[in-house]
Amino acid sequence: VVARGGRGGRGNARFATPQRKAPRLAEKGEPGERRWLKL
């Protein structure tokens, strides 16, 4: 593997806590690795 994909963003269900029962935030997806290779 020479360039790994970015992880998916978490939905708002992952941010729910007893103190924050209705979170209205979610993460965007992480960009994948990028590089130039010399073969």
All heavy atoms as atom14 arrays in JSON, in Angstrom:
{
  "sequence": "VVARGGRGGRGNARFATPQRKAPRLAEKGEPGERRWLKL",
  "atom14_mask": [
    [1, 1, 1, 1, 1, 1, 1, 0, 0, 0, 0, 0, 0, 0],
    [1, 1, 1, 1, 1, 1, 1, 0, 0, 0, 0, 0, 0, 0],
    [1, 1, 1, 1, 1, 0, 0, 0, 0, 0, 0, 0, 0, 0],
    [1, 1, 1, 1, 1, 1, 1, 1, 1, 1, 1, 0, 0, 0],
    [1, 1, 1, 1, 0, 0, 0, 0, 0, 0, 0, 0, 0, 0],
    [1, 1, 1, 1, 0, 0, 0, 0, 0, 0, 0, 0, 0, 0],
    [1, 1, 1, 1, 1, 1, 1, 1, 1, 1, 1, 0, 0, 0],
    [1, 1, 1, 1, 0, 0, 0, 0, 0, 0, 0, 0, 0, 0],
    [1, 1, 1, 1, 0, 0, 0, 0, 0, 0, 0, 0, 0, 0],
    [1, 1, 1, 1, 1, 1, 1, 1, 1, 1, 1, 0, 0, 0],
    [1, 1, 1, 1, 0, 0, 0, 0, 0, 0, 0, 0, 0, 0],
    [1, 1, 1, 1, 1, 1, 1, 1, 0, 0, 0, 0, 0, 0],
    [1, 1, 1, 1, 1, 0, 0, 0, 0, 0, 0, 0, 0, 0],
    [1, 1, 1, 1, 1, 1, 1, 1, 1, 1, 1, 0, 0, 0],
    [1, 1, 1, 1, 1, 1, 1, 1, 1, 1, 1, 0, 0, 0],
    [1, 1, 1, 1, 1, 0, 0, 0, 0, 0, 0, 0, 0, 0],
    [1, 1, 1, 1, 1, 1, 1, 0, 0, 0, 0, 0, 0, 0],
    [1, 1, 1, 1, 1, 1, 1, 0, 0, 0, 0, 0, 0, 0],
    [1, 1, 1, 1, 1, 1, 1, 1, 1, 0, 0, 0, 0, 0],
    [1, 1, 1, 1, 1, 1, 1, 1, 1, 1, 1, 0, 0, 0],
    [1, 1, 1, 1, 1, 1, 1, 1, 1, 0, 0, 0, 0, 0],
    [1, 1, 1, 1, 1, 0, 0, 0, 0, 0, 0, 0, 0, 0],
    [1, 1, 1, 1, 1, 1, 1, 0, 0, 0, 0, 0, 0, 0],
    [1, 1, 1, 1, 1, 1, 1, 1, 1, 1, 1, 0, 0, 0],
    [1, 1, 1, 1, 1, 1, 1, 1, 0, 0, 0, 0, 0, 0],
    [1, 1, 1, 1, 1, 0, 0, 0, 0, 0, 0, 0, 0, 0],
    [1, 1, 1, 1, 1, 1, 1, 1, 1, 0, 0, 0, 0, 0],
    [1, 1, 1, 1, 1, 1, 1, 1, 1, 0, 0, 0, 0, 0],
    [1, 1, 1, 1, 0, 0, 0, 0, 0, 0, 0, 0, 0, 0],
    [1, 1, 1, 1, 1, 1, 1, 1, 1, 0, 0, 0, 0, 0],
    [1, 1, 1, 1, 1, 1, 1, 0, 0, 0, 0, 0, 0, 0],
    [1, 1, 1, 1, 0, 0, 0, 0, 0, 0, 0, 0, 0, 0],
    [1, 1, 1, 1, 1, 1, 1, 1, 1, 0, 0, 0, 0, 0],
    [1, 1, 1, 1, 1, 1, 1, 1, 1, 1, 1, 0, 0, 0],
    [1, 1, 1, 1, 1, 1, 1, 1, 1, 1, 1, 0, 0, 0],
    [1, 1, 1, 1, 1, 1, 1, 1, 1, 1, 1, 1, 1, 1],
    [1, 1, 1, 1, 1, 1, 1, 1, 0, 0, 0, 0, 0, 0],
    [1, 1, 1, 1, 1, 1, 1, 1, 1, 0, 0, 0, 0, 0],
    [1, 1, 1, 1, 1, 1, 1, 1, 0, 0, 0, 0, 0, 0]
  ],
  "atom14_positions": [
    [[0.86, -1.18, 0.0], [0.0, 0.0, 0.0], [0.89, 1.23, 0.0], [1.7, 1.42, 0.91], [-0.93, 0.01, 1.23], [-1.77, 1.29, 1.25], [-1.85, -1.21, 1.23], [0.0, 0.0, 0.0], [0.0, 0.0, 0.0], [0.0, 0.0, 0.0], [0.0, 0.0, 0.0], [0.0, 0.0, 0.0], [0.0, 0.0, 0.0], [0.0, 0.0, 0.0]],
    [[0.77, 2.06, -1.02], [1.63, 3.24, -1.13], [0.88, 4.53, -0.82], [1.51, 5.58, -0.65], [2.25, 3.33, -2.54], [3.27, 2.21, -2.75], [1.19, 3.28, -3.63], [0.0, 0.0, 0.0], [0.0, 0.0, 0.0], [0.0, 0.0, 0.0], [0.0, 0.0, 0.0], [0.0, 0.0, 0.0], [0.0, 0.0, 0.0], [0.0, 0.0, 0.0]],
    [[-0.45, 4.5, -0.74], [-1.23, 5.68, -0.37], [-2.51, 5.18, 0.3], [-3.39, 4.63, -0.38], [-1.55, 6.54, -1.58], [0.0, 0.0, 0.0], [0.0, 0.0, 0.0], [0.0, 0.0, 0.0], [0.0, 0.0, 0.0], [0.0, 0.0, 0.0], [0.0, 0.0, 0.0], [0.0, 0.0, 0.0], [0.0, 0.0, 0.0], [0.0, 0.0, 0.0]],
    [[-2.61, 5.36, 1.59], [-3.78, 4.88, 2.33], [-4.93, 5.87, 2.2], [-4.73, 7.08, 2.16], [-3.44, 4.67, 3.81], [-2.39, 3.58, 4.02], [-2.29, 3.19, 5.49], [-1.33, 2.11, 5.66], [-1.61, 0.83, 5.47], [-2.84, 0.48, 5.12], [-0.69, -0.1, 5.65], [0.0, 0.0, 0.0], [0.0, 0.0, 0.0], [0.0, 0.0, 0.0]],
    [[-6.12, 5.31, 2.16], [-7.3, 6.16, 2.11], [-7.57, 6.81, 3.45], [-7.19, 6.29, 4.51], [0.0, 0.0, 0.0], [0.0, 0.0, 0.0], [0.0, 0.0, 0.0], [0.0, 0.0, 0.0], [0.0, 0.0, 0.0], [0.0, 0.0, 0.0], [0.0, 0.0, 0.0], [0.0, 0.0, 0.0], [0.0, 0.0, 0.0], [0.0, 0.0, 0.0]],
    [[-8.23, 7.96, 3.42], [-8.58, 8.64, 4.66], [-9.74, 7.96, 5.37], [-10.58, 7.32, 4.74], [0.0, 0.0, 0.0], [0.0, 0.0, 0.0], [0.0, 0.0, 0.0], [0.0, 0.0, 0.0], [0.0, 0.0, 0.0], [0.0, 0.0, 0.0], [0.0, 0.0, 0.0], [0.0, 0.0, 0.0], [0.0, 0.0, 0.0], [0.0, 0.0, 0.0]],
    [[-9.8, 8.12, 6.68], [-10.89, 7.5, 7.42], [-12.17, 8.31, 7.23], [-12.13, 9.52, 6.98], [-10.55, 7.34, 8.9], [-10.47, 8.64, 9.69], [-10.17, 8.32, 11.15], [-10.08, 9.51, 11.98], [-11.13, 10.08, 12.56], [-12.34, 9.58, 12.39], [-10.97, 11.15, 13.31], [0.0, 0.0, 0.0], [0.0, 0.0, 0.0], [0.0, 0.0, 0.0]],
    [[-13.3, 7.65, 7.35], [-14.57, 8.34, 7.22], [-14.86, 9.22, 8.42], [-14.43, 8.93, 9.55], [0.0, 0.0, 0.0], [0.0, 0.0, 0.0], [0.0, 0.0, 0.0], [0.0, 0.0, 0.0], [0.0, 0.0, 0.0], [0.0, 0.0, 0.0], [0.0, 0.0, 0.0], [0.0, 0.0, 0.0], [0.0, 0.0, 0.0], [0.0, 0.0, 0.0]],
    [[-15.58, 10.28, 8.19], [-15.96, 11.16, 9.29], [-17.03, 10.53, 10.17], [-17.85, 9.73, 9.72], [0.0, 0.0, 0.0], [0.0, 0.0, 0.0], [0.0, 0.0, 0.0], [0.0, 0.0, 0.0], [0.0, 0.0, 0.0], [0.0, 0.0, 0.0], [0.0, 0.0, 0.0], [0.0, 0.0, 0.0], [0.0, 0.0, 0.0], [0.0, 0.0, 0.0]],
    [[-17.01, 10.88, 11.44], [-18.0, 10.34, 12.37], [-19.32, 11.09, 12.26], [-19.34, 12.31, 12.12], [-17.47, 10.42, 13.8], [-16.27, 9.52, 14.07], [-15.71, 9.73, 15.47], [-15.09, 11.03, 15.61], [-14.53, 11.5, 16.73], [-14.55, 10.73, 17.82], [-13.99, 12.68, 16.77], [0.0, 0.0, 0.0], [0.0, 0.0, 0.0], [0.0, 0.0, 0.0]],
    [[-20.42, 10.34, 12.31], [-21.73, 10.97, 12.32], [-22.09, 11.5, 13.7], [-21.4, 11.23, 14.69], [0.0, 0.0, 0.0], [0.0, 0.0, 0.0], [0.0, 0.0, 0.0], [0.0, 0.0, 0.0], [0.0, 0.0, 0.0], [0.0, 0.0, 0.0], [0.0, 0.0, 0.0], [0.0, 0.0, 0.0], [0.0, 0.0, 0.0], [0.0, 0.0, 0.0]],
    [[-23.21, 12.24, 13.76], [-23.51, 12.89, 15.05], [-23.91, 11.89, 16.13], [-23.85, 12.2, 17.32], [-24.6, 13.95, 14.86], [-25.97, 13.35, 14.53], [-26.06, 12.3, 13.91], [-27.03, 14.05, 14.93], [0.0, 0.0, 0.0], [0.0, 0.0, 0.0], [0.0, 0.0, 0.0], [0.0, 0.0, 0.0], [0.0, 0.0, 0.0], [0.0, 0.0, 0.0]],
    [[-24.27, 10.66, 15.75], [-24.57, 9.66, 16.78], [-23.35, 9.35, 17.63], [-23.47, 8.97, 18.79], [-25.1, 8.37, 16.13], [0.0, 0.0, 0.0], [0.0, 0.0, 0.0], [0.0, 0.0, 0.0], [0.0, 0.0, 0.0], [0.0, 0.0, 0.0], [0.0, 0.0, 0.0], [0.0, 0.0, 0.0], [0.0, 0.0, 0.0], [0.0, 0.0, 0.0]],
    [[-22.16, 9.55, 17.05], [-20.93, 9.24, 17.78], [-20.58, 10.34, 18.79], [-19.7, 10.13, 19.63], [-19.77, 9.08, 16.79], [-19.96, 7.96, 15.78], [-19.66, 6.61, 16.42], [-18.27, 6.53, 16.8], [-17.28, 6.17, 15.98], [-17.56, 5.85, 14.72], [-16.05, 6.12, 16.41], [0.0, 0.0, 0.0], [0.0, 0.0, 0.0], [0.0, 0.0, 0.0]],
    [[-21.22, 11.49, 18.7], [-20.88, 12.61, 19.59], [-21.89, 12.77, 20.73], [-21.79, 13.71, 21.51], [-20.8, 13.91, 18.8], [-19.64, 13.97, 17.84], [-19.79, 13.58, 16.52], [-18.4, 14.38, 18.27], [-18.73, 13.62, 15.63], [-17.32, 14.42, 17.4], [-17.5, 14.04, 16.08], [0.0, 0.0, 0.0], [0.0, 0.0, 0.0], [0.0, 0.0, 0.0]],
    [[-22.87, 11.87, 20.81], [-23.89, 11.97, 21.85], [-23.3, 11.58, 23.21], [-22.59, 10.57, 23.32], [-25.08, 11.09, 21.52], [0.0, 0.0, 0.0], [0.0, 0.0, 0.0], [0.0, 0.0, 0.0], [0.0, 0.0, 0.0], [0.0, 0.0, 0.0], [0.0, 0.0, 0.0], [0.0, 0.0, 0.0], [0.0, 0.0, 0.0], [0.0, 0.0, 0.0]],
    [[-23.57, 12.39, 24.21], [-23.15, 12.11, 25.59], [-24.33, 12.44, 26.51], [-25.3, 13.07, 26.08], [-21.94, 12.97, 25.99], [-22.34, 14.36, 26.02], [-20.78, 12.8, 25.01], [0.0, 0.0, 0.0], [0.0, 0.0, 0.0], [0.0, 0.0, 0.0], [0.0, 0.0, 0.0], [0.0, 0.0, 0.0], [0.0, 0.0, 0.0], [0.0, 0.0, 0.0]],
    [[-24.28, 12.02, 27.78], [-25.38, 12.38, 28.7], [-25.56, 13.9, 28.82], [-26.67, 14.37, 29.07], [-24.94, 11.77, 30.03], [-24.09, 10.6, 29.63], [-23.36, 11.06, 28.4], [0.0, 0.0, 0.0], [0.0, 0.0, 0.0], [0.0, 0.0, 0.0], [0.0, 0.0, 0.0], [0.0, 0.0, 0.0], [0.0, 0.0, 0.0], [0.0, 0.0, 0.0]],
    [[-24.46, 14.64, 28.64], [-24.59, 16.1, 28.72], [-24.96, 16.73, 27.38], [-25.54, 17.81, 27.34], [-23.26, 16.72, 29.2], [-22.88, 16.38, 30.63], [-22.35, 14.96, 30.78], [-21.76, 14.42, 29.85], [-22.58, 14.36, 31.95], [0.0, 0.0, 0.0], [0.0, 0.0, 0.0], [0.0, 0.0, 0.0], [0.0, 0.0, 0.0], [0.0, 0.0, 0.0]],
    [[-24.65, 16.06, 26.28], [-24.94, 16.61, 24.94], [-25.76, 15.55, 24.2], [-25.23, 14.7, 23.5], [-23.65, 16.92, 24.2], [-23.87, 17.59, 22.85], [-22.55, 17.97, 22.23], [-21.65, 16.84, 22.12], [-20.33, 16.92, 22.04], [-19.76, 18.1, 22.06], [-19.58, 15.85, 21.95], [0.0, 0.0, 0.0], [0.0, 0.0, 0.0], [0.0, 0.0, 0.0]],
    [[-27.07, 15.63, 24.4], [-27.94, 14.59, 23.88], [-28.36, 14.82, 22.44], [-28.85, 13.89, 21.79], [-29.19, 14.48, 24.76], [-28.86, 14.09, 26.2], [-30.11, 13.96, 27.04], [-29.77, 13.53, 28.47], [-30.98, 13.39, 29.31], [0.0, 0.0, 0.0], [0.0, 0.0, 0.0], [0.0, 0.0, 0.0], [0.0, 0.0, 0.0], [0.0, 0.0, 0.0]],
    [[-28.2, 16.01, 21.94], [-28.63, 16.31, 20.57], [-27.51, 17.02, 19.81], [-27.65, 18.17, 19.41], [-29.89, 17.15, 20.58], [0.0, 0.0, 0.0], [0.0, 0.0, 0.0], [0.0, 0.0, 0.0], [0.0, 0.0, 0.0], [0.0, 0.0, 0.0], [0.0, 0.0, 0.0], [0.0, 0.0, 0.0], [0.0, 0.0, 0.0], [0.0, 0.0, 0.0]],
    [[-26.36, 16.35, 19.62], [-25.27, 17.01, 18.9], [-25.63, 17.26, 17.44], [-26.23, 16.39, 16.78], [-24.12, 16.0, 19.02], [-24.79, 14.68, 19.19], [-26.03, 14.97, 19.99], [0.0, 0.0, 0.0], [0.0, 0.0, 0.0], [0.0, 0.0, 0.0], [0.0, 0.0, 0.0], [0.0, 0.0, 0.0], [0.0, 0.0, 0.0], [0.0, 0.0, 0.0]],
    [[-25.29, 18.42, 16.96], [-25.55, 18.77, 15.56], [-24.24, 18.93, 14.79], [-24.13, 19.76, 13.9], [-26.37, 20.06, 15.48], [-27.77, 19.91, 16.04], [-28.58, 21.17, 15.87], [-29.96, 20.95, 16.27], [-30.91, 20.48, 15.46], [-30.58, 20.14, 14.21], [-32.13, 20.3, 15.88], [0.0, 0.0, 0.0], [0.0, 0.0, 0.0], [0.0, 0.0, 0.0]],
    [[-23.28, 18.14, 15.15], [-22.01, 18.19, 14.42], [-21.64, 16.81, 13.93], [-22.02, 15.79, 14.53], [-20.88, 18.74, 15.3], [-20.32, 17.81, 16.4], [-18.86, 18.09, 16.62], [-21.08, 18.0, 17.7], [0.0, 0.0, 0.0], [0.0, 0.0, 0.0], [0.0, 0.0, 0.0], [0.0, 0.0, 0.0], [0.0, 0.0, 0.0], [0.0, 0.0, 0.0]],
    [[-20.95, 16.78, 12.83], [-20.39, 15.55, 12.27], [-19.09, 15.92, 11.57], [-18.87, 17.08, 11.2], [-21.36, 14.89, 11.3], [0.0, 0.0, 0.0], [0.0, 0.0, 0.0], [0.0, 0.0, 0.0], [0.0, 0.0, 0.0], [0.0, 0.0, 0.0], [0.0, 0.0, 0.0], [0.0, 0.0, 0.0], [0.0, 0.0, 0.0], [0.0, 0.0, 0.0]],
    [[-18.23, 14.94, 11.42], [-16.94, 15.19, 10.79], [-17.01, 14.98, 9.28], [-17.75, 14.13, 8.79], [-15.87, 14.26, 11.36], [-15.52, 14.52, 12.8], [-14.53, 13.5, 13.32], [-14.56, 12.34, 12.87], [-13.72, 13.87, 14.19], [0.0, 0.0, 0.0], [0.0, 0.0, 0.0], [0.0, 0.0, 0.0], [0.0, 0.0, 0.0], [0.0, 0.0, 0.0]],
    [[-16.22, 15.75, 8.58], [-16.01, 15.49, 7.15], [-15.01, 14.34, 7.01], [-14.28, 14.0, 7.94], [-15.47, 16.75, 6.46], [-16.43, 17.92, 6.49], [-15.78, 19.2, 6.0], [-15.4, 19.11, 4.55], [-14.83, 20.39, 4.06], [0.0, 0.0, 0.0], [0.0, 0.0, 0.0], [0.0, 0.0, 0.0], [0.0, 0.0, 0.0], [0.0, 0.0, 0.0]],
    [[-14.98, 13.74, 5.84], [-14.04, 12.66, 5.6], [-12.6, 13.16, 5.56], [-12.32, 14.28, 5.11], [0.0, 0.0, 0.0], [0.0, 0.0, 0.0], [0.0, 0.0, 0.0], [0.0, 0.0, 0.0], [0.0, 0.0, 0.0], [0.0, 0.0, 0.0], [0.0, 0.0, 0.0], [0.0, 0.0, 0.0], [0.0, 0.0, 0.0], [0.0, 0.0, 0.0]],
    [[-11.69, 12.32, 6.04], [-10.28, 12.69, 6.04], [-9.69, 12.49, 4.63], [-9.96, 11.47, 3.98], [-9.52, 11.8, 7.02], [-8.03, 12.08, 7.09], [-7.31, 11.09, 7.99], [-7.87, 10.02, 8.29], [-6.17, 11.38, 8.38], [0.0, 0.0, 0.0], [0.0, 0.0, 0.0], [0.0, 0.0, 0.0], [0.0, 0.0, 0.0], [0.0, 0.0, 0.0]],
    [[-8.91, 13.44, 4.14], [-8.26, 13.24, 2.84], [-7.29, 12.06, 2.89], [-6.69, 11.77, 3.92], [-7.5, 14.57, 2.61], [-8.17, 15.55, 3.51], [-8.64, 14.78, 4.7], [0.0, 0.0, 0.0], [0.0, 0.0, 0.0], [0.0, 0.0, 0.0], [0.0, 0.0, 0.0], [0.0, 0.0, 0.0], [0.0, 0.0, 0.0], [0.0, 0.0, 0.0]],
    [[-7.15, 11.37, 1.77], [-6.22, 10.25, 1.7], [-4.78, 10.71, 1.58], [-4.5, 11.88, 1.28], [0.0, 0.0, 0.0], [0.0, 0.0, 0.0], [0.0, 0.0, 0.0], [0.0, 0.0, 0.0], [0.0, 0.0, 0.0], [0.0, 0.0, 0.0], [0.0, 0.0, 0.0], [0.0, 0.0, 0.0], [0.0, 0.0, 0.0], [0.0, 0.0, 0.0]],
    [[-3.86, 9.79, 1.84], [-2.44, 10.1, 1.67], [-2.16, 10.39, 0.2], [-2.76, 9.81, -0.7], [-1.57, 8.93, 2.13], [-1.61, 8.65, 3.61], [-0.73, 7.47, 4.0], [-0.34, 6.71, 3.11], [-0.45, 7.32, 5.19], [0.0, 0.0, 0.0], [0.0, 0.0, 0.0], [0.0, 0.0, 0.0], [0.0, 0.0, 0.0], [0.0, 0.0, 0.0]],
    [[-1.22, 11.27, -0.03], [-0.84, 11.6, -1.4], [0.66, 11.82, -1.45], [1.26, 12.38, -0.53], [-1.59, 12.84, -1.88], [-1.36, 14.08, -1.03], [-2.32, 15.19, -1.38], [-3.68, 14.87, -0.98], [-4.72, 15.66, -1.22], [-4.54, 16.8, -1.87], [-5.93, 15.32, -0.82], [0.0, 0.0, 0.0], [0.0, 0.0, 0.0], [0.0, 0.0, 0.0]],
    [[1.27, 11.34, -2.5], [2.72, 11.5, -2.64], [3.12, 11.18, -4.08], [2.39, 10.52, -4.83], [3.47, 10.56, -1.69], [3.08, 9.08, -1.84], [4.14, 8.14, -1.27], [4.47, 8.38, 0.1], [4.12, 7.6, 1.11], [3.38, 6.52, 0.89], [4.5, 7.85, 2.33], [0.0, 0.0, 0.0], [0.0, 0.0, 0.0], [0.0, 0.0, 0.0]],
    [[4.3, 11.65, -4.44], [4.93, 11.27, -5.69], [5.87, 10.11, -5.42], [6.62, 10.13, -4.43], [5.7, 12.44, -6.31], [4.84, 13.39, -7.09], [4.23, 14.52, -6.63], [4.49, 13.28, -8.47], [3.52, 15.11, -7.63], [3.67, 14.38, -8.78], [4.8, 12.36, -9.47], [3.15, 14.59, -10.06], [4.29, 12.56, -10.74], [3.48, 13.66, -11.02]],
    [[5.84, 9.11, -6.28], [6.72, 7.96, -6.15], [7.69, 7.91, -7.31], [7.35, 8.28, -8.44], [5.9, 6.66, -6.14], [4.86, 6.47, -5.05], [4.13, 5.16, -5.25], [5.5, 6.52, -3.66], [0.0, 0.0, 0.0], [0.0, 0.0, 0.0], [0.0, 0.0, 0.0], [0.0, 0.0, 0.0], [0.0, 0.0, 0.0], [0.0, 0.0, 0.0]],
    [[8.89, 7.42, -7.02], [9.86, 7.13, -8.07], [10.05, 5.62, -8.11], [10.44, 5.01, -7.11], [11.2, 7.82, -7.79], [12.22, 7.59, -8.9], [13.5, 8.37, -8.66], [14.5, 8.15, -9.79], [15.76, 8.89, -9.58], [0.0, 0.0, 0.0], [0.0, 0.0, 0.0], [0.0, 0.0, 0.0], [0.0, 0.0, 0.0], [0.0, 0.0, 0.0]],
    [[9.76, 5.02, -9.25], [9.88, 3.58, -9.41], [11.12, 3.27, -10.24], [11.35, 3.89, -11.28], [8.64, 3.01, -10.11], [7.28, 3.38, -9.48], [6.16, 2.7, -10.25], [7.24, 2.98, -8.01], [0.0, 0.0, 0.0], [0.0, 0.0, 0.0], [0.0, 0.0, 0.0], [0.0, 0.0, 0.0], [0.0, 0.0, 0.0], [0.0, 0.0, 0.0]]
  ]
}
